[in-house]
Protein backbone atom coordinates (compact mmCIF):
# COMPACT_ATOMS: atom_id res chain seq x y z
CA CYS A 1 -26.92 25.39 43.55
CA LEU A 2 -27.63 28.53 45.51
CA ILE A 3 -24.89 31.11 45.99
CA ASN A 4 -25.26 33.62 48.82
CA TYR A 5 -23.68 36.47 46.79
CA LYS A 6 -24.31 38.92 49.95
CA LEU A 7 -22.15 36.26 52.00
CA LEU A 8 -19.49 36.43 49.56
CA GLU A 9 -19.37 40.24 49.13
CA LYS A 10 -19.38 40.64 52.87
CA ALA A 11 -16.55 38.36 52.98
CA GLY A 12 -14.57 40.40 50.20
CA ILE A 13 -14.48 37.50 48.05
CA GLU A 14 -14.38 38.72 44.27
CA MET A 15 -13.19 35.39 42.26
CA ARG A 16 -13.29 35.85 38.72
CA ILE A 17 -14.43 33.25 36.09
CA GLU A 18 -10.96 33.10 34.61
CA GLN A 19 -9.39 32.12 37.88
CA PHE A 20 -11.44 28.76 37.54
CA ARG A 21 -10.68 28.57 33.84
CA TYR A 22 -6.72 28.84 34.74
CA LEU A 23 -7.10 26.48 37.36
CA LEU A 24 -8.95 23.65 35.57
CA LYS A 25 -6.37 24.14 32.75
CA VAL A 26 -3.60 23.38 35.32
CA MET A 27 -5.44 20.57 36.51
CA GLU A 28 -5.60 19.34 32.89
CA THR A 29 -2.13 19.64 31.83
CA LYS A 30 -0.46 19.50 35.48
CA SER A 31 1.88 22.12 34.51
CA LEU A 32 1.51 26.34 35.03
CA THR A 33 3.75 26.57 31.82
CA ALA A 34 1.58 24.26 29.61
CA ALA A 35 -1.54 25.97 30.95
CA GLY A 36 -0.54 29.28 30.10
CA SER A 37 0.58 28.18 26.53
CA GLN A 38 -2.69 26.59 25.95
CA LEU A 39 -4.52 29.58 26.98
CA PHE A 40 -2.28 31.77 25.12
CA ILE A 41 -1.25 33.83 28.48
CA SER A 42 2.07 33.75 30.28
CA GLN A 43 3.02 31.18 32.92
CA GLN A 44 3.31 34.17 35.32
CA ALA A 45 -0.38 35.14 34.59
CA VAL A 46 -1.77 31.77 35.19
CA SER A 47 0.28 31.75 38.71
CA GLN A 48 -0.83 35.20 39.58
CA ALA A 49 -4.18 34.45 39.10
CA ILE A 50 -4.33 30.95 41.09
CA GLN A 51 -2.50 32.79 43.77
CA GLY A 52 -5.13 35.39 43.94
CA LEU A 53 -7.57 32.88 44.35
CA GLU A 54 -5.40 31.15 47.04
CA LYS A 55 -5.52 34.35 48.68
CA GLU A 56 -8.99 35.35 48.73
CA LEU A 57 -9.93 31.65 49.95
CA GLY A 58 -7.10 31.45 52.54
CA ALA A 59 -6.15 28.21 51.29
CA GLN A 60 -3.12 26.65 49.44
CA LEU A 61 -4.66 25.14 46.20
CA LEU A 62 -1.40 23.68 44.30
CA LYS A 63 1.58 22.21 45.71
CA ARG A 64 4.23 23.64 43.50
CA SER A 65 7.43 21.97 42.27
CA TYR A 66 10.13 21.91 39.43
CA GLN A 67 8.29 18.77 38.39
CA GLY A 68 5.21 20.46 37.95
CA VAL A 69 1.97 21.08 40.23
CA ASP A 70 -0.24 18.85 42.27
CA PHE A 71 -3.59 19.89 43.77
CA THR A 72 -4.03 19.78 47.45
CA ASP A 73 -7.55 18.47 48.81
CA GLU A 74 -8.69 22.20 49.00
CA GLY A 75 -7.47 22.61 45.26
CA LEU A 76 -9.45 19.46 44.17
CA TYR A 77 -12.35 21.00 45.87
CA VAL A 78 -12.10 24.35 44.44
CA ALA A 79 -11.52 22.68 41.05
CA ASP A 80 -14.78 20.72 41.25
CA ILE A 81 -16.52 23.82 41.98
CA GLY A 82 -15.19 25.46 39.32
CA ALA A 83 -15.96 22.79 37.00
CA GLN A 84 -19.47 23.19 38.05
CA ILE A 85 -19.50 27.14 37.46
CA MET A 86 -18.28 26.56 34.12
CA ALA A 87 -20.67 24.11 32.82
CA LEU A 88 -23.49 26.34 34.11
CA LEU A 89 -21.93 29.09 32.33
CA LYS A 90 -21.85 27.08 29.25
CA GLU A 91 -25.53 26.23 29.91
CA LEU A 92 -26.38 29.68 29.93
CA GLU A 93 -24.56 30.58 27.05
CA SER A 94 -26.23 27.55 25.09
CA HIS A 95 -29.71 28.40 26.48
CA PHE A 96 -29.12 31.99 25.11
CA HIS A 97 -27.38 31.34 22.00
CA LEU A 98 -24.49 33.36 23.36
CA ASP A 99 -21.99 31.43 21.50
CA GLU A 100 -23.60 31.87 18.28
CA GLN A 101 -24.18 35.60 18.56
CA ARG A 102 -20.35 36.09 19.82
CA ARG A 103 -19.56 34.22 16.47
CA GLU A 104 -21.62 36.52 14.27
CA GLU A 105 -20.53 39.66 16.29
CA GLU A 106 -16.80 38.40 15.39
CA LEU A 107 -17.66 38.09 11.63
CA LEU A 108 -19.29 41.43 11.29
CA LYS A 109 -16.43 43.04 13.17
CA ILE A 110 -13.92 41.60 10.83
CA ALA A 111 -16.00 42.29 7.76
CA ALA A 112 -16.45 46.15 9.11
CA GLU A 113 -12.59 46.08 9.19
CA LYS A 114 -12.14 45.22 5.64
């Protein structure tokens, strides 16, 4: 998977990992509200992050209604790419034992606070 970062930068695309994480949670729950609840953030924060992604890409990713959300074809494509990105990040964390380091840092932080 080769990403041309110079091309993305030139196009003004500054996507954030959290936008993909939120999008994938919406796909899982089929709801902005449920996604926000499971992510411990507001529905508005989820919606704004996805709207930011839609604006950057110039494409509608979700069809919003009172019954929930459906993904457009573009939304399904972006979610697929997002899932690949998240898998690669997980692989990096695992390779460098970042998940273990974070847990140890949290334990040290908690111990220092006591």
